[in-house]
C-alpha atoms as a PDB file:
ATOM      1  CA  ASP A   1       0.000   0.000   0.000  1.00  0.00           C
ATOM      2  CA  TRP A   2       1.966   3.008  -1.289  1.00  0.00           C
ATOM      3  CA  SER A   3      -0.318   5.477   0.482  1.00  0.00           C
ATOM      4  CA  SER A   4       0.529   3.905   3.836  1.00  0.00           C
ATOM      5  CA  ASP A   5       4.248   4.103   3.049  1.00  0.00           C
ATOM      6  CA  VAL A   6       4.159   7.802   2.212  1.00  0.00           C
ATOM      7  CA  CYS A   7       1.363   9.012   4.490  1.00  0.00           C
ATOM      8  CA  SER A   8       2.838   7.326   7.544  1.00  0.00           C
ATOM      9  CA  SER A   9       2.005   7.882  11.189  1.00  0.00           C
ATOM     10  CA  ASP A  10       4.725  10.555  11.234  1.00  0.00           C
ATOM     11  CA  LEU A  11       2.546  12.763   9.022  1.00  0.00           C
ATOM     12  CA  PRO A  12      -0.820  14.338   9.875  1.00  0.00           C
ATOM     13  CA  TYR A  13      -2.516  12.902   6.766  1.00  0.00           C
ATOM     14  CA  HIS A  14      -4.646   9.851   6.023  1.00  0.00           C
ATOM     15  CA  PRO A  15      -5.735   8.652   2.561  1.00  0.00           C
ATOM     16  CA  ILE A  16      -9.402   8.628   1.522  1.00  0.00           C
ATOM     17  CA  VAL A  17     -10.036   6.565  -1.631  1.00  0.00           C
ATOM     18  CA  ILE A  18     -13.166   6.954  -3.780  1.00  0.00           C
ATOM     19  CA  SER A  19     -13.800   5.390  -7.214  1.00  0.00           C
ATOM     20  CA  GLY A  20     -15.495   7.399  -9.941  1.00  0.00           C
ATOM     21  CA  GLN A  21     -16.085   4.205 -11.962  1.00  0.00           C
ATOM     22  CA  TRP A  22     -15.165   5.994 -15.221  1.00  0.00           C
ATOM     23  CA  ARG A  23     -18.498   7.831 -15.226  1.00  0.00           C
ATOM     24  CA  THR A  24     -18.613  11.622 -15.344  1.00  0.00           C
ATOM     25  CA  GLU A  25     -21.392  11.993 -12.798  1.00  0.00           C
ATOM     26  CA  ARG A  26     -19.734   9.581 -10.343  1.00  0.00           C
ATOM     27  CA  GLU A  27     -16.364  11.296 -10.689  1.00  0.00           C
ATOM     28  CA  GLN A  28     -17.978  14.676 -10.041  1.00  0.00           C
ATOM     29  CA  GLU A  29     -19.802  13.262  -6.999  1.00  0.00           C
ATOM     30  CA  ALA A  30     -16.510  11.842  -5.679  1.00  0.00           C
ATOM     31  CA  LEU A  31     -14.734  15.190  -6.057  1.00  0.00           C
ATOM     32  CA  ASP A  32     -17.611  17.062  -4.442  1.00  0.00           C
ATOM     33  CA  LEU A  33     -17.565  14.648  -1.507  1.00  0.00           C
ATOM     34  CA  LEU A  34     -13.819  15.023  -0.993  1.00  0.00           C
ATOM     35  CA  LEU A  35     -14.008  18.799  -1.147  1.00  0.00           C
ATOM     36  CA  ALA A  36     -16.955  18.809   1.256  1.00  0.00           C
ATOM     37  CA  ARG A  37     -14.809  16.844   3.692  1.00  0.00           C
ATOM     38  CA  ARG A  38     -12.190  19.581   3.321  1.00  0.00           C
ATOM     39  CA  VAL A  39      -9.388  17.243   2.255  1.00  0.00           C
ATOM     40  CA  ASP A  40      -5.909  18.742   2.190  1.00  0.00           C
ATOM     41  CA  ALA A  41      -5.067  17.551  -1.343  1.00  0.00           C
ATOM     42  CA  VAL A  42      -6.492  15.461  -4.199  1.00  0.00           C
ATOM     43  CA  ILE A  43      -4.772  12.819  -6.339  1.00  0.00           C
ATOM     44  CA  MET A  44      -6.820  12.154  -9.489  1.00  0.00           C
ATOM     45  CA  MET A  45      -6.145   8.798 -11.126  1.00  0.00           C
ATOM     46  CA  GLY A  46      -7.047   9.097 -14.809  1.00  0.00           C
ATOM     47  CA  GLY A  47     -10.687  10.013 -15.101  1.00  0.00           C
ATOM     48  CA  ILE A  48     -12.799  11.658 -17.780  1.00  0.00           C
ATOM     49  CA  LEU A  49     -13.754  14.952 -16.166  1.00  0.00           C
ATOM     50  CA  ASP A  50     -12.920  18.007 -18.277  1.00  0.00           C
ATOM     51  CA  ASP A  51      -9.584  19.719 -17.705  1.00  0.00           C
ATOM     52  CA  GLN A  52     -11.430  22.919 -16.788  1.00  0.00           C
ATOM     53  CA  ILE A  53     -13.085  21.188 -13.839  1.00  0.00           C
ATOM     54  CA  LEU A  54      -9.750  19.914 -12.535  1.00  0.00           C
ATOM     55  CA  THR A  55      -8.054  23.287 -12.895  1.00  0.00           C
ATOM     56  CA  HIS A  56     -10.932  24.801 -10.905  1.00  0.00           C
ATOM     57  CA  VAL A  57     -10.450  22.187  -8.165  1.00  0.00           C
ATOM     58  CA  ALA A  58      -6.703  22.895  -8.167  1.00  0.00           C
ATOM     59  CA  ARG A  59      -7.443  26.503  -7.226  1.00  0.00           C
ATOM     60  CA  ARG A  60      -9.101  25.230  -4.047  1.00  0.00           C
ATOM     61  CA  VAL A  61      -6.751  22.402  -3.009  1.00  0.00           C
ATOM     62  CA  PRO A  62      -3.417  21.007  -4.260  1.00  0.00           C
ATOM     63  CA  LEU A  63      -4.112  18.495  -7.040  1.00  0.00           C
ATOM     64  CA  ILE A  64      -1.931  15.860  -8.697  1.00  0.00           C
ATOM     65  CA  ALA A  65      -3.191  14.228 -11.911  1.00  0.00           C
ATOM     66  CA  VAL A  66      -1.994  10.680 -12.589  1.00  0.00           C
ATOM     67  CA  GLY A  67      -2.257   9.021 -15.995  1.00  0.00           C
ATOM     68  CA  ARG A  68      -3.315  12.134 -17.907  1.00  0.00           C
ATOM     69  CA  ASP A  69      -2.111  15.568 -18.927  1.00  0.00           C
ATOM     70  CA  VAL A  70      -4.304  18.421 -17.732  1.00  0.00           C
ATOM     71  CA  ARG A  71      -4.055  21.713 -19.585  1.00  0.00           C
ATOM     72  CA  GLY A  72      -3.041  24.409 -17.166  1.00  0.00           C
ATOM     73  CA  LEU A  73      -1.696  21.905 -14.624  1.00  0.00           C
ATOM     74  CA  ASP A  74       1.224  20.502 -16.609  1.00  0.00           C
ATOM     75  CA  HIS A  75       3.578  20.690 -13.631  1.00  0.00           C
ATOM     76  CA  SER A  76       1.211  18.573 -11.522  1.00  0.00           C
ATOM     77  CA  CYS A  77       0.869  15.632 -13.944  1.00  0.00           C
ATOM     78  CA  ILE A  78       2.390  12.153 -13.674  1.00  0.00           C
ATOM     79  CA  VAL A  79       2.049  10.103 -16.843  1.00  0.00           C
ATOM     80  CA  LEU A  80       3.187   6.932 -18.572  1.00  0.00           C
ATOM     81  CA  ASP A  81       4.715   7.102 -22.050  1.00  0.00           C
ATOM     82  CA  ASN A  82       1.769   5.377 -23.758  1.00  0.00           C
ATOM     83  CA  THR A  83       3.170   6.058 -27.210  1.00  0.00           C
ATOM     84  CA  LYS A  84       6.411   4.220 -26.539  1.00  0.00           C
ATOM     85  CA  ALA A  85       4.495   1.414 -24.829  1.00  0.00           C
ATOM     86  CA  MET A  86       2.218   0.684 -27.778  1.00  0.00           C
ATOM     87  CA  GLN A  87       5.072   1.011 -30.220  1.00  0.00           C
ATOM     88  CA  GLN A  88       6.846  -1.723 -28.262  1.00  0.00           C
ATOM     89  CA  VAL A  89       3.775  -3.958 -28.513  1.00  0.00           C
ATOM     90  CA  ALA A  90       3.407  -3.333 -32.249  1.00  0.00           C
ATOM     91  CA  ARG A  91       7.117  -3.890 -32.886  1.00  0.00           C
ATOM     92  CA  HIS A  92       7.069  -7.169 -30.956  1.00  0.00           C
ATOM     93  CA  LEU A  93       4.145  -8.527 -32.987  1.00  0.00           C
ATOM     94  CA  LEU A  94       5.540  -7.318 -36.311  1.00  0.00           C
ATOM     95  CA  ASP A  95       8.873  -8.947 -35.495  1.00  0.00           C
ATOM     96  CA  LEU A  96       7.004 -12.211 -34.881  1.00  0.00           C
ATOM     97  CA  GLY A  97       5.579 -11.907 -38.393  1.00  0.00           C
ATOM     98  CA  HIS A  98       2.031 -10.685 -37.740  1.00  0.00           C
ATOM     99  CA  GLN A  99       0.307  -8.617 -40.426  1.00  0.00           C
ATOM    100  CA  GLN A 100      -3.373  -9.033 -39.525  1.00  0.00           C
ATOM    101  CA  PHE A 101      -4.429  -7.267 -36.324  1.00  0.00           C
ATOM    102  CA  ALA A 102      -7.504  -6.591 -34.218  1.00  0.00           C
ATOM    103  CA  TYR A 103      -7.613  -3.970 -31.470  1.00  0.00           C
ATOM    104  CA  ILE A 104      -9.745  -3.392 -28.361  1.00  0.00           C
ATOM    105  CA  SER A 105      -9.562   0.174 -27.045  1.00  0.00           C
ATOM    106  CA  GLY A 106     -10.629   1.899 -23.872  1.00  0.00           C
ATOM    107  CA  ALA A 107     -13.398   4.512 -24.032  1.00  0.00           C
ATOM    108  CA  GLU A 108     -12.749   7.386 -26.416  1.00  0.00           C
ATOM    109  CA  ARG A 109     -13.077  10.032 -23.676  1.00  0.00           C
ATOM    110  CA  GLN A 110     -10.163   8.570 -21.722  1.00  0.00           C
ATOM    111  CA  GLN A 111      -6.888  10.252 -22.600  1.00  0.00           C
ATOM    112  CA  ASP A 112      -4.667   7.226 -22.098  1.00  0.00           C
ATOM    113  CA  ALA A 113      -7.022   5.051 -24.151  1.00  0.00           C
ATOM    114  CA  MET A 114      -6.806   7.420 -27.101  1.00  0.00           C
ATOM    115  CA  GLU A 115      -3.031   7.774 -26.777  1.00  0.00           C
ATOM    116  CA  ARG A 116      -2.631   3.985 -26.872  1.00  0.00           C
ATOM    117  CA  ARG A 117      -4.977   3.555 -29.810  1.00  0.00           C
ATOM    118  CA  ILE A 118      -3.400   6.323 -31.885  1.00  0.00           C
ATOM    119  CA  ALA A 119       0.131   5.119 -31.122  1.00  0.00           C
ATOM    120  CA  PHE A 120      -0.578   1.475 -31.963  1.00  0.00           C
ATOM    121  CA  LEU A 121      -2.515   2.060 -35.173  1.00  0.00           C
ATOM    122  CA  GLY A 122      -0.147   4.823 -36.234  1.00  0.00           C
ATOM    123  CA  TYR A 123       2.908   2.618 -35.803  1.00  0.00           C
ATOM    124  CA  LEU A 124       1.308  -0.133 -37.868  1.00  0.00           C
ATOM    125  CA  GLU A 125       0.357   2.312 -40.622  1.00  0.00           C
ATOM    126  CA  ALA A 126       3.913   3.658 -40.686  1.00  0.00           C
ATOM    127  CA  HIS A 127       5.008   0.087 -41.411  1.00  0.00           C
ATOM    128  CA  GLY A 128       2.464  -0.544 -44.133  1.00  0.00           C
ATOM    129  CA  VAL A 129      -0.165  -2.347 -42.062  1.00  0.00           C
ATOM    130  CA  SER A 130      -3.775  -1.172 -41.660  1.00  0.00           C
ATOM    131  CA  VAL A 131      -6.457  -2.531 -39.350  1.00  0.00           C
ATOM    132  CA  PRO A 132     -10.002  -2.861 -40.766  1.00  0.00           C
ATOM    133  CA  PRO A 133     -12.555  -0.716 -38.897  1.00  0.00           C
ATOM    134  CA  GLU A 134     -14.586  -3.833 -38.051  1.00  0.00           C
ATOM    135  CA  LEU A 135     -11.631  -5.142 -36.060  1.00  0.00           C
ATOM    136  CA  ILE A 136     -11.348  -2.029 -33.867  1.00  0.00           C
ATOM    137  CA  GLN A 137     -13.747  -2.143 -30.923  1.00  0.00           C
ATOM    138  CA  VAL A 138     -14.198  -0.320 -27.598  1.00  0.00           C
ATOM    139  CA  GLY A 139     -14.101  -2.385 -24.412  1.00  0.00           C
ATOM    140  CA  ARG A 140     -14.503   0.235 -21.640  1.00  0.00           C
ATOM    141  CA  TYR A 141     -11.413  -1.077 -19.772  1.00  0.00           C
ATOM    142  CA  THR A 142     -13.474  -3.866 -18.122  1.00  0.00           C
ATOM    143  CA  GLU A 143     -13.503  -7.659 -18.390  1.00  0.00           C
ATOM    144  CA  GLU A 144     -17.092  -7.597 -19.628  1.00  0.00           C
ATOM    145  CA  GLY A 145     -16.246  -4.907 -22.150  1.00  0.00           C
ATOM    146  CA  GLY A 146     -13.323  -6.956 -23.452  1.00  0.00           C
ATOM    147  CA  LEU A 147     -15.572 -10.004 -23.806  1.00  0.00           C
ATOM    148  CA  GLU A 148     -18.195  -8.068 -25.760  1.00  0.00           C
ATOM    149  CA  ALA A 149     -15.630  -6.330 -27.951  1.00  0.00           C
ATOM    150  CA  ALA A 150     -13.868  -9.603 -28.773  1.00  0.00           C
ATOM    151  CA  GLU A 151     -17.190 -11.217 -29.680  1.00  0.00           C
ATOM    152  CA  ALA A 152     -17.918  -8.307 -32.052  1.00  0.00           C
ATOM    153  CA  ILE A 153     -14.496  -8.748 -33.633  1.00  0.00           C
ATOM    154  CA  LEU A 154     -15.032 -12.484 -34.059  1.00  0.00           C
ATOM    155  CA  ASN A 155     -18.466 -11.880 -35.561  1.00  0.00           C
ATOM    156  CA  ALA A 156     -17.021  -9.449 -38.119  1.00  0.00           C
ATOM    157  CA  GLY A 157     -15.751 -12.346 -40.204  1.00  0.00           C
ATOM    158  CA  VAL A 158     -12.451 -10.619 -41.009  1.00  0.00           C
ATOM    159  CA  PRO A 159      -9.241 -12.647 -40.545  1.00  0.00           C
ATOM    160  CA  PHE A 160      -6.674 -11.658 -37.906  1.00  0.00           C
ATOM    161  CA  THR A 161      -3.728 -13.321 -36.169  1.00  0.00           C
ATOM    162  CA  ALA A 162      -3.116 -10.909 -33.262  1.00  0.00           C
ATOM    163  CA  LEU A 163      -5.560  -9.294 -30.834  1.00  0.00           C
ATOM    164  CA  VAL A 164      -4.183  -6.291 -28.922  1.00  0.00           C
ATOM    165  CA  CYS A 165      -6.042  -4.997 -25.859  1.00  0.00           C
ATOM    166  CA  ALA A 166      -5.492  -1.595 -24.225  1.00  0.00           C
ATOM    167  CA  ASN A 167      -5.479  -3.120 -20.738  1.00  0.00           C
ATOM    168  CA  ASP A 168      -5.209  -6.518 -19.053  1.00  0.00           C
ATOM    169  CA  GLN A 169      -8.798  -6.580 -17.837  1.00  0.00           C
ATOM    170  CA  MET A 170     -10.110  -6.418 -21.397  1.00  0.00           C
ATOM    171  CA  ALA A 171      -7.562  -9.039 -22.433  1.00  0.00           C
ATOM    172  CA  LEU A 172      -9.006 -11.364 -19.791  1.00  0.00           C
ATOM    173  CA  GLY A 173     -12.511 -10.906 -21.194  1.00  0.00           C
ATOM    174  CA  ALA A 174     -11.229 -11.315 -24.747  1.00  0.00           C
ATOM    175  CA  ARG A 175      -9.497 -14.545 -23.740  1.00  0.00           C
ATOM    176  CA  LEU A 176     -12.857 -15.957 -22.660  1.00  0.00           C
ATOM    177  CA  ALA A 177     -14.451 -14.992 -25.984  1.00  0.00           C
ATOM    178  CA  LEU A 178     -11.639 -16.718 -27.884  1.00  0.00           C
ATOM    179  CA  TYR A 179     -11.923 -19.819 -25.689  1.00  0.00           C
ATOM    180  CA  ARG A 180     -15.668 -20.084 -26.329  1.00  0.00           C
ATOM    181  CA  ARG A 181     -15.039 -20.001 -30.083  1.00  0.00           C
ATOM    182  CA  GLY A 182     -12.355 -22.647 -29.873  1.00  0.00           C
ATOM    183  CA  VAL A 183      -9.591 -20.186 -30.787  1.00  0.00           C
ATOM    184  CA  ASN A 184      -6.242 -21.232 -29.363  1.00  0.00           C
ATOM    185  CA  VAL A 185      -3.901 -18.660 -27.801  1.00  0.00           C
ATOM    186  CA  PRO A 186      -1.233 -18.290 -29.132  1.00  0.00           C
ATOM    187  CA  GLY A 187      -1.609 -21.146 -31.638  1.00  0.00           C
ATOM    188  CA  ASP A 188      -4.335 -19.389 -33.615  1.00  0.00           C
ATOM    189  CA  VAL A 189      -4.184 -15.844 -32.264  1.00  0.00           C
ATOM    190  CA  SER A 190      -1.609 -13.942 -30.229  1.00  0.00           C
ATOM    191  CA  LEU A 191      -3.074 -11.858 -27.387  1.00  0.00           C
ATOM    192  CA  THR A 192      -1.600  -8.853 -25.558  1.00  0.00           C
ATOM    193  CA  GLY A 193      -2.692  -6.568 -22.732  1.00  0.00           C
ATOM    194  CA  PHE A 194      -1.459  -3.499 -20.883  1.00  0.00           C
ATOM    195  CA  ASP A 195      -0.660  -2.774 -17.184  1.00  0.00           C
ATOM    196  CA  ASP A 196       0.733  -6.146 -16.028  1.00  0.00           C
ATOM    197  CA  VAL A 197      -1.758  -6.580 -13.203  1.00  0.00           C
ATOM    198  CA  PHE A 198      -0.848  -9.342 -10.776  1.00  0.00           C
ATOM    199  CA  THR A 199      -3.179 -11.903 -12.411  1.00  0.00           C
ATOM    200  CA  SER A 200      -1.700 -11.466 -15.905  1.00  0.00           C
ATOM    201  CA  SER A 201       1.134 -13.902 -15.257  1.00  0.00           C
ATOM    202  CA  LEU A 202      -1.458 -16.455 -14.073  1.00  0.00           C
ATOM    203  CA  MET A 203      -3.684 -16.376 -17.161  1.00  0.00           C
ATOM    204  CA  THR A 204      -3.802 -19.376 -19.494  1.00  0.00           C
ATOM    205  CA  PRO A 205      -1.461 -18.814 -21.190  1.00  0.00           C
ATOM    206  CA  PRO A 206       0.430 -16.111 -19.236  1.00  0.00           C
ATOM    207  CA  LEU A 207      -0.202 -12.743 -20.882  1.00  0.00           C
ATOM    208  CA  THR A 208       2.252 -10.655 -22.859  1.00  0.00           C
ATOM    209  CA  THR A 209       1.649  -7.115 -21.628  1.00  0.00           C
ATOM    210  CA  VAL A 210       3.128  -3.711 -20.832  1.00  0.00           C
ATOM    211  CA  ARG A 211       4.321  -3.225 -17.279  1.00  0.00           C
ATOM    212  CA  GLN A 212       4.005   0.180 -15.700  1.00  0.00           C
ATOM    213  CA  ALA A 213       5.539   0.892 -12.336  1.00  0.00           C
ATOM    214  CA  ILE A 214       2.222   1.250 -10.516  1.00  0.00           C
ATOM    215  CA  TYR A 215       3.765   1.286  -7.047  1.00  0.00           C
ATOM    216  CA  ASP A 216       6.413   3.846  -7.978  1.00  0.00           C
ATOM    217  CA  ILE A 217       3.828   6.027  -9.695  1.00  0.00           C
ATOM    218  CA  GLY A 218       1.657   5.916  -6.584  1.00  0.00           C
ATOM    219  CA  VAL A 219       4.529   6.817  -4.288  1.00  0.00           C
ATOM    220  CA  THR A 220       5.530   9.676  -6.579  1.00  0.00           C
ATOM    221  CA  ALA A 221       1.952  11.006  -6.662  1.00  0.00           C
ATOM    222  CA  ALA A 222       1.714  10.981  -2.866  1.00  0.00           C
ATOM    223  CA  ARG A 223       5.100  12.655  -2.458  1.00  0.00           C
ATOM    224  CA  GLU A 224       4.266  15.337  -5.009  1.00  0.00           C
ATOM    225  CA  ALA A 225       0.993  16.045  -3.206  1.00  0.00           C
ATOM    226  CA  LEU A 226       2.942  16.475   0.031  1.00  0.00           C
ATOM    227  CA  ASN A 227       5.375  18.785  -1.763  1.00  0.00           C
ATOM    228  CA  LEU A 228       2.478  20.948  -2.939  1.00  0.00           C
ATOM    229  CA  LEU A 229       1.167  21.088   0.617  1.00  0.00           C
ATOM    230  CA  ASP A 230       4.609  22.221   1.794  1.00  0.00           C
ATOM    231  CA  GLY A 231       4.799  24.891  -0.890  1.00  0.00           C
ATOM    232  CA  GLN A 232       7.562  23.050  -2.731  1.00  0.00           C
ATOM    233  CA  PRO A 233       7.789  23.093  -6.550  1.00  0.00           C
ATOM    234  CA  VAL A 234       6.650  20.036  -8.515  1.00  0.00           C
ATOM    235  CA  ALA A 235       7.260  19.053 -12.128  1.00  0.00           C
ATOM    236  CA  ARG A 236       5.582  16.871 -14.764  1.00  0.00           C
ATOM    237  CA  GLN A 237       7.010  13.359 -14.622  1.00  0.00           C
ATOM    238  CA  VAL A 238       6.956  10.666 -17.297  1.00  0.00           C
ATOM    239  CA  PHE A 239       7.418   6.985 -16.434  1.00  0.00           C
ATOM    240  CA  GLU A 240       8.905   4.573 -18.948  1.00  0.00           C
ATOM    241  CA  PRO A 241       6.975   1.395 -19.902  1.00  0.00           C
ATOM    242  CA  GLU A 242       8.404  -2.117 -20.076  1.00  0.00           C
ATOM    243  CA  LEU A 243       7.195  -4.797 -22.480  1.00  0.00           C
ATOM    244  CA  VAL A 244       6.820  -8.136 -20.692  1.00  0.00           C
ATOM    245  CA  VAL A 245       6.813 -11.007 -23.180  1.00  0.00           C
ATOM    246  CA  ARG A 246       5.057 -14.178 -22.027  1.00  0.00           C
ATOM    247  CA  GLU A 247       3.448 -17.207 -23.683  1.00  0.00           C
ATOM    248  CA  SER A 248       0.371 -15.503 -25.154  1.00  0.00           C
ATOM    249  CA  THR A 249       2.275 -14.280 -28.228  1.00  0.00           C
ATOM    250  CA  ALA A 250       3.946 -16.372 -30.934  1.00  0.00           C
ATOM    251  CA  PRO A 251       4.559 -16.276 -34.695  1.00  0.00           C
ATOM    252  CA  PRO A 252       1.296 -16.328 -36.693  1.00  0.00           C
ATOM    253  CA  ALA A 253      -0.140 -19.671 -37.739  1.00  0.00           C
ATOM    254  CA  GLN A 254      -3.782 -20.369 -38.518  1.00  0.00           C
ATOM    255  CA  GLY A 255      -5.298 -17.165 -37.228  1.00  0.00           C
ATOM    256  CA  VAL A 256      -9.036 -16.465 -37.112  1.00  0.00           C
ATOM    257  CA  ARG A 257     -10.700 -16.727 -40.511  1.00  0.00           C
ATOM    258  CA  PRO A 258     -14.303 -16.470 -41.732  1.00  0.00           C
END
């Protein structure tokens, strides 16, 4: 628990955690509740609230944004290099020999989801590979969303040999959809995720994914919030991704065909 490490008993602060569930109204309710409780600072993890709302909150209390860039609060943002991450995924699959791809994205309003989608598809296009629109679906960053998106891709009847998901939760749902259709991973289709959550190495087969230093990012966010409270300067920080190659990716073979 990074918050316990940073906000220790030596400091007069205690963490309050509220989920906005990636819904605008819930995120606004969560912020309103925290401000009503007169919290000393706010750490915003991702989210889809407009930048203007966050800059307004930052005028009231110190705010650190994690996983997104907020216009007007550049110095208070902690982000992952999503572009480099998805380029690593694309390069890995191209090096294996894949030329037919499907992609499951997060919601379009989420900054990191769009960065990952643009970076992945852009890298493929720069190397002469295009992905048919039918094979690009939105999975809402959830297991259920990944399942539904993968089913839509399978129903499209367009061949592909690699399915790339913008997070591990959607990859888990997609894996179930492939299993139900009798599609072998990685024998028929290679599968990738993003985040390297603790269950990814325990999937069948273990998932190739992008690891981000979640603990280090959390510690940095807490420390930067404390710096703001102390009147110390803070600066935008970018964390580097790491591609973790496991057994869910292999050279293309049969693939999924109509």
